[in-house]
């Protein structure tokens, strides 16, 4: 790995009945011109209980070991692979068993895009409907994770997408085997930002409804602000319309450093609401996820109503 480069391996999961969620990340950052670093992040969403919490602990790159086969990451004493996650930090810890589902990896981009220089940011969901069991501690708060549903994810690239909204649903309220991955993003070519493109992959009732390329995104639309997002499009004989919303109190603010050493601001809620209308191929249905969708915004600007916790 040569700079500029970043990589994030992360898991997120939701309580099956309450508005409570966890988000854990193992990240590498090799910027130009600053020094490389490996960070472990632990976030707890609990606005109706003890409050939202976040801990980030940096380590030197020499403490990190990332493998592709078998897929795993270790930063000091914190590790993640396909079946287990363990965090040992000053201020946070976890010990989680991961049970992957039978669903194949979700690819939000075309196969060609994963080997091309553009887009600069790549993403995939290794396990879109995984089960998590164990405990997570952040500060003085410990939560028991008992059959929570979530995902195991992998992001990497030479540069973060300059501005985006990202959404994910790991099981809808009445359709626990359906999942969604969606992004509205403005990529950049040099100093120029391109018009926003919306890509999505919805799996429902044995169908995969997907738009994975900028060319196909001519048939999609998306518009977002903190914290409302509407999107939709036509694909595979289907018409899809979606909306994701979150309350500021359900979001956590984080400071990111890009590979050019610039500061970005990430605002993430794992407790958003999602509604999807899907019609076509004999299907006419509405899917909802109540305070269990992930909604993330990356921006150059700070938001005054969401505190930066890490």
Protein backbone atom coordinates (compact mmCIF):
# COMPACT_ATOMS: atom_id res chain seq x y z
CA UNK A 1 0.00 0.00 0.00
CA UNK A 2 1.41 3.33 -1.06
CA UNK A 3 0.04 6.76 -0.19
CA UNK A 4 -2.40 8.22 -0.86
CA UNK A 5 -4.57 5.36 0.46
CA UNK A 6 -7.24 4.64 3.05
CA UNK A 7 -9.04 1.50 4.13
CA UNK A 8 -11.89 0.87 6.55
CA UNK A 9 -13.22 -2.44 7.78
CA UNK A 10 -16.30 -1.98 9.91
CA UNK A 11 -19.32 -3.60 11.47
CA UNK A 12 -22.62 -2.11 12.51
CA UNK A 13 -25.63 -3.70 14.18
CA UNK A 14 -29.00 -2.74 15.67
CA UNK A 15 -30.90 -3.89 18.73
CA UNK A 16 -33.87 -6.00 17.52
CA UNK A 17 -36.46 -3.96 19.46
CA UNK A 18 -34.98 -0.74 20.85
CA UNK A 19 -33.38 2.36 19.32
CA UNK A 20 -29.86 1.24 20.14
CA UNK A 21 -26.98 0.44 17.78
CA UNK A 22 -23.23 -0.09 17.58
CA UNK A 23 -20.67 0.85 14.92
CA UNK A 24 -17.02 -0.30 15.09
CA UNK A 25 -14.27 0.59 12.60
CA UNK A 26 -10.69 -0.45 11.91
CA UNK A 27 -9.14 2.18 9.62
CA UNK A 28 -5.85 2.81 7.86
CA UNK A 29 -4.87 6.26 6.61
CA UNK A 30 -1.80 6.82 4.45
CA UNK A 31 -2.01 10.50 3.53
CA UNK A 32 0.24 12.84 1.65
CA UNK A 33 2.12 14.56 3.18
CA UNK A 34 1.32 13.54 6.79
CA UNK A 35 2.31 10.40 8.68
CA UNK A 36 0.34 7.17 8.31
CA UNK A 37 -1.94 6.08 11.14
CA UNK A 38 -4.20 3.18 12.10
CA UNK A 39 -7.31 4.04 14.12
CA UNK A 40 -9.80 1.94 16.07
CA UNK A 41 -13.24 3.52 16.49
CA UNK A 42 -16.10 2.41 18.74
CA UNK A 43 -19.47 4.17 18.55
CA UNK A 44 -22.61 3.52 20.60
CA UNK A 45 -25.96 4.99 19.60
CA UNK A 46 -28.22 5.18 22.66
CA UNK A 47 -30.06 8.54 22.60
CA UNK A 48 -33.02 7.19 24.59
CA UNK A 49 -30.73 5.71 27.25
CA UNK A 50 -27.29 6.82 28.40
CA UNK A 51 -26.62 8.95 25.32
CA UNK A 52 -24.47 8.57 22.22
CA UNK A 53 -20.78 7.83 22.77
CA UNK A 54 -17.69 7.54 20.58
CA UNK A 55 -14.04 6.63 21.16
CA UNK A 56 -11.18 6.78 18.63
CA UNK A 57 -7.68 5.59 19.51
CA UNK A 58 -4.84 6.09 16.99
CA UNK A 59 -1.94 3.68 16.59
CA UNK A 60 1.21 3.71 14.49
CA UNK A 61 0.95 1.87 11.19
CA UNK A 62 3.44 -0.70 12.46
CA UNK A 63 0.72 -1.91 14.87
CA UNK A 64 -1.60 -2.78 11.96
CA UNK A 65 -1.88 -6.02 10.00
CA UNK A 66 -4.50 -6.22 7.21
CA UNK A 67 -5.05 -9.46 5.27
CA UNK A 68 -7.24 -10.27 2.28
CA UNK A 69 -7.11 -14.06 2.56
CA UNK A 70 -8.22 -14.85 5.18
CA UNK A 71 -10.03 -11.51 5.42
CA UNK A 72 -8.99 -9.90 8.69
CA UNK A 73 -7.58 -6.77 10.26
CA UNK A 74 -5.60 -6.24 13.44
CA UNK A 75 -4.64 -2.93 15.02
CA UNK A 76 -2.64 -3.56 18.20
CA UNK A 77 -4.92 -5.78 20.36
CA UNK A 78 -8.11 -5.06 18.39
CA UNK A 79 -9.06 -7.50 15.63
CA UNK A 80 -11.86 -8.20 13.17
CA UNK A 81 -12.53 -11.06 10.77
CA UNK A 82 -15.60 -12.72 9.30
CA UNK A 83 -16.67 -14.43 12.53
CA UNK A 84 -15.29 -12.39 15.42
CA UNK A 85 -14.53 -8.85 16.55
CA UNK A 86 -12.51 -7.90 19.61
CA UNK A 87 -11.58 -4.41 20.78
CA UNK A 88 -9.22 -3.64 23.64
CA UNK A 89 -8.75 0.11 24.09
CA UNK A 90 -8.40 2.61 26.87
CA UNK A 91 -12.03 3.72 27.08
CA UNK A 92 -13.72 1.04 24.98
CA UNK A 93 -13.82 -2.71 24.51
CA UNK A 94 -15.87 -5.39 22.81
CA UNK A 95 -16.04 -9.11 22.28
CA UNK A 96 -18.47 -10.08 19.54
CA UNK A 97 -19.26 -13.33 17.77
CA UNK A 98 -20.32 -12.75 14.16
CA UNK A 99 -22.60 -15.23 12.38
CA UNK A 100 -22.60 -14.42 8.65
CA UNK A 101 -25.77 -15.10 6.72
CA UNK A 102 -26.04 -17.00 3.44
CA UNK A 103 -26.39 -13.83 1.35
CA UNK A 104 -23.62 -13.06 -1.17
CA UNK A 105 -21.48 -9.95 -0.96
CA UNK A 106 -23.19 -6.72 -1.98
CA UNK A 107 -21.21 -4.82 -4.61
CA UNK A 108 -22.40 -1.24 -5.08
CA UNK A 109 -20.09 -0.77 -8.10
CA UNK A 110 -19.51 -2.69 -11.31
CA UNK A 111 -16.75 -5.30 -11.30
CA UNK A 112 -14.70 -3.09 -13.60
CA UNK A 113 -14.96 -0.14 -11.19
CA UNK A 114 -13.24 -2.11 -8.43
CA UNK A 115 -10.03 -2.37 -10.50
CA UNK A 116 -10.18 1.05 -12.20
CA UNK A 117 -8.69 4.27 -10.79
CA UNK A 118 -12.12 5.92 -10.92
CA UNK A 119 -14.05 6.12 -8.70
CA UNK A 120 -11.37 6.69 -6.09
CA UNK A 121 -13.51 5.21 -3.29
CA UNK A 122 -14.56 1.54 -3.36
CA UNK A 123 -17.11 -0.16 -1.10
CA UNK A 124 -18.62 -3.60 -0.56
CA UNK A 125 -20.71 -5.37 2.06
CA UNK A 126 -19.21 -8.76 2.86
CA UNK A 127 -22.14 -9.89 5.00
CA UNK A 128 -25.33 -7.79 4.59
CA UNK A 129 -27.43 -9.75 7.10
CA UNK A 130 -25.11 -10.96 9.85
CA UNK A 131 -25.97 -11.74 13.48
CA UNK A 132 -23.93 -10.36 16.37
CA UNK A 133 -23.67 -11.65 19.95
CA UNK A 134 -21.49 -10.45 22.82
CA UNK A 135 -20.82 -7.20 24.68
CA UNK A 136 -19.65 -3.69 23.84
CA UNK A 137 -18.37 -1.19 26.40
CA UNK A 138 -17.84 2.52 25.74
CA UNK A 139 -16.78 4.53 28.76
CA UNK A 140 -18.96 3.45 31.69
CA UNK A 141 -21.73 2.05 29.46
CA UNK A 142 -21.86 -1.67 28.65
CA UNK A 143 -24.50 -3.10 26.32
CA UNK A 144 -25.36 -6.75 25.86
CA UNK A 145 -25.55 -7.65 22.18
CA UNK A 146 -27.98 -10.56 21.85
CA UNK A 147 -28.96 -11.59 18.31
CA UNK A 148 -28.56 -8.10 16.86
CA UNK A 149 -28.71 -7.84 13.06
CA UNK A 150 -26.16 -5.86 11.08
CA UNK A 151 -23.41 -6.06 8.49
CA UNK A 152 -19.69 -6.57 7.91
CA UNK A 153 -18.29 -3.96 5.51
CA UNK A 154 -15.16 -2.99 3.60
CA UNK A 155 -14.25 0.44 2.15
CA UNK A 156 -10.97 1.47 0.52
CA UNK A 157 -9.44 3.79 -2.04
CA UNK A 158 -7.01 6.56 -2.85
CA UNK A 159 -9.33 9.34 -1.71
CA UNK A 160 -12.70 9.72 0.00
CA UNK A 161 -15.59 10.75 -2.21
CA UNK A 162 -15.72 14.54 -1.60
CA UNK A 163 -19.40 14.66 -0.60
CA UNK A 164 -21.98 11.91 -0.21
CA UNK A 165 -24.99 10.48 1.55
CA UNK A 166 -24.76 6.77 2.30
CA UNK A 167 -27.59 4.54 3.48
CA UNK A 168 -27.91 0.93 4.54
CA UNK A 169 -30.73 -1.27 5.84
CA UNK A 170 -29.99 -4.72 7.22
CA UNK A 171 -33.50 -6.15 7.35
CA UNK A 172 -36.74 -4.18 7.08
CA UNK A 173 -39.44 -4.22 9.76
CA UNK A 174 -41.74 -6.79 8.09
CA UNK A 175 -39.15 -8.20 5.70
CA UNK A 176 -36.10 -9.18 7.77
CA UNK A 177 -34.38 -10.89 4.82
CA UNK A 178 -34.48 -7.78 2.58
CA UNK A 179 -31.57 -5.33 2.49
CA UNK A 180 -30.61 -2.01 0.94
CA UNK A 181 -27.37 -0.25 0.05
CA UNK A 182 -27.67 3.25 -1.46
CA UNK A 183 -25.44 6.26 -2.08
CA UNK A 184 -25.85 9.71 -3.59
CA UNK A 185 -22.34 10.98 -4.19
CA UNK A 186 -20.41 13.73 -5.92
CA UNK A 187 -17.13 12.34 -7.16
CA UNK A 188 -14.27 14.54 -8.32
CA UNK A 189 -11.89 14.63 -11.25
CA UNK A 190 -8.96 16.75 -10.13
CA UNK A 191 -10.34 19.95 -8.58
CA UNK A 192 -13.74 19.56 -10.32
CA UNK A 193 -16.71 17.95 -8.60
CA UNK A 194 -19.00 15.98 -10.86
CA UNK A 195 -22.80 16.11 -10.68
CA UNK A 196 -24.32 13.85 -8.02
CA UNK A 197 -24.99 10.24 -8.99
CA UNK A 198 -27.24 7.82 -7.11
CA UNK A 199 -26.44 4.10 -7.00
CA UNK A 200 -28.35 1.42 -5.11
CA UNK A 201 -28.74 -2.31 -4.53
CA UNK A 202 -32.05 -3.52 -3.08
CA UNK A 203 -32.55 -7.20 -2.37
CA UNK A 204 -36.15 -8.22 -1.83
CA UNK A 205 -38.31 -11.30 -2.46
CA UNK A 206 -35.59 -13.07 -4.44
CA UNK A 207 -34.90 -10.03 -6.64
CA UNK A 208 -31.83 -7.83 -6.78
CA UNK A 209 -32.69 -4.36 -8.07
CA UNK A 210 -29.41 -2.57 -8.80
CA UNK A 211 -27.87 0.50 -10.40
CA UNK A 212 -24.09 0.28 -10.14
CA UNK A 213 -22.62 2.58 -12.77
CA UNK A 214 -22.58 6.32 -13.46
CA UNK A 215 -23.97 5.57 -16.92
CA UNK A 216 -26.94 3.66 -15.50
CA UNK A 217 -27.39 6.40 -12.88
CA UNK A 218 -28.94 8.52 -15.62
CA UNK A 219 -32.12 6.67 -14.65
CA UNK A 220 -31.80 7.53 -10.95
CA UNK A 221 -32.12 10.64 -8.81
CA UNK A 222 -31.15 11.67 -5.29
CA UNK A 223 -31.25 14.79 -3.15
CA UNK A 224 -30.19 15.11 0.48
CA UNK A 225 -29.61 17.51 3.34
CA UNK A 226 -29.05 16.92 7.05
CA UNK A 227 -30.98 14.71 7.73
CA UNK A 228 -33.46 14.10 4.92
CA UNK A 229 -32.81 12.19 1.72
CA UNK A 230 -35.05 11.25 -1.18
CA UNK A 231 -33.89 8.99 -4.00
CA UNK A 232 -35.19 6.63 -6.62
CA UNK A 233 -34.84 5.26 -10.10
CA UNK A 234 -35.69 2.58 -12.63
CA UNK A 235 -33.78 -0.68 -12.94
CA UNK A 236 -34.39 -4.30 -13.90
CA UNK A 237 -38.05 -3.64 -14.72
CA UNK A 238 -38.71 -2.00 -11.34
CA UNK A 239 -39.56 1.52 -10.22
CA UNK A 240 -38.08 2.43 -6.84
CA UNK A 241 -38.75 5.48 -4.67
CA UNK A 242 -37.08 5.89 -1.29
CA UNK A 243 -36.70 8.25 1.64
CA UNK A 244 -34.38 8.16 4.65
CA UNK A 245 -34.73 10.54 7.59
CA UNK A 246 -33.00 10.94 10.94
CA UNK A 247 -33.20 13.23 13.94
CA UNK A 248 -30.02 15.14 14.91
CA UNK A 249 -30.15 13.57 18.39
CA UNK A 250 -29.81 10.16 16.75
CA UNK A 251 -26.57 11.11 14.95
CA UNK A 252 -22.90 11.09 15.93
CA UNK A 253 -20.41 13.59 14.48
CA UNK A 254 -16.86 12.49 13.67
CA UNK A 255 -13.79 14.20 12.24
CA UNK A 256 -12.19 12.43 9.29
CA UNK A 257 -8.83 13.15 7.68
CA UNK A 258 -8.64 12.59 3.93
CA UNK A 259 -5.61 11.27 2.08
CA UNK A 260 -4.61 14.83 1.14
CA UNK A 261 -4.59 15.67 4.89
CA UNK A 262 -7.76 17.79 4.54
CA UNK A 263 -10.38 17.65 7.30
CA UNK A 264 -13.82 16.23 6.54
CA UNK A 265 -16.85 15.86 8.81
CA UNK A 266 -18.85 12.64 9.01
CA UNK A 267 -22.36 12.65 10.50
CA UNK A 268 -23.80 9.19 10.99
CA UNK A 269 -27.06 7.91 12.40
CA UNK A 270 -27.63 4.18 12.79
CA UNK A 271 -31.18 4.97 13.97
CA UNK A 272 -32.71 6.53 10.86
CA UNK A 273 -36.10 5.72 9.34
CA UNK A 274 -36.28 4.34 5.79
CA UNK A 275 -39.25 3.90 3.49
CA UNK A 276 -39.05 2.22 0.07
CA UNK A 277 -41.82 1.91 -2.53
CA UNK A 278 -41.12 -0.80 -5.11
CA UNK A 279 -43.25 -1.71 -8.12
CA UNK A 280 -42.77 -3.87 -11.19
CA UNK A 281 -42.43 -7.54 -12.20
CA UNK A 282 -45.61 -8.37 -10.33
CA UNK A 283 -44.48 -6.65 -7.12
CA UNK A 284 -46.13 -3.58 -5.62
CA UNK A 285 -44.99 -3.11 -2.03
CA UNK A 286 -43.70 -0.70 0.57
CA UNK A 287 -40.77 -1.53 2.83
CA UNK A 288 -40.10 0.33 6.08
CA UNK A 289 -37.25 0.29 8.58
CA UNK A 290 -38.03 2.12 11.82
CA UNK A 291 -35.02 3.59 13.63
CA UNK A 292 -32.71 0.92 12.27
CA UNK A 293 -31.39 2.34 8.97
CA UNK A 294 -27.91 3.82 8.67
CA UNK A 295 -27.72 7.34 7.21
CA UNK A 296 -24.30 8.95 6.82
CA UNK A 297 -23.28 12.29 5.35
CA UNK A 298 -19.71 13.35 4.56
CA UNK A 299 -19.20 17.09 4.18
CA UNK A 300 -16.62 19.86 4.34
CA UNK A 301 -18.77 21.80 6.81
CA UNK A 302 -19.55 21.32 10.49
CA UNK A 303 -23.16 21.00 11.60
CA UNK A 304 -24.05 23.00 14.68
CA UNK A 305 -26.77 20.68 16.03
CA UNK A 306 -24.67 17.48 16.11
CA UNK A 307 -21.61 17.43 18.43
CA UNK A 308 -18.33 15.95 17.24
CA UNK A 309 -17.65 13.05 19.60
CA UNK A 310 -14.37 11.80 18.09
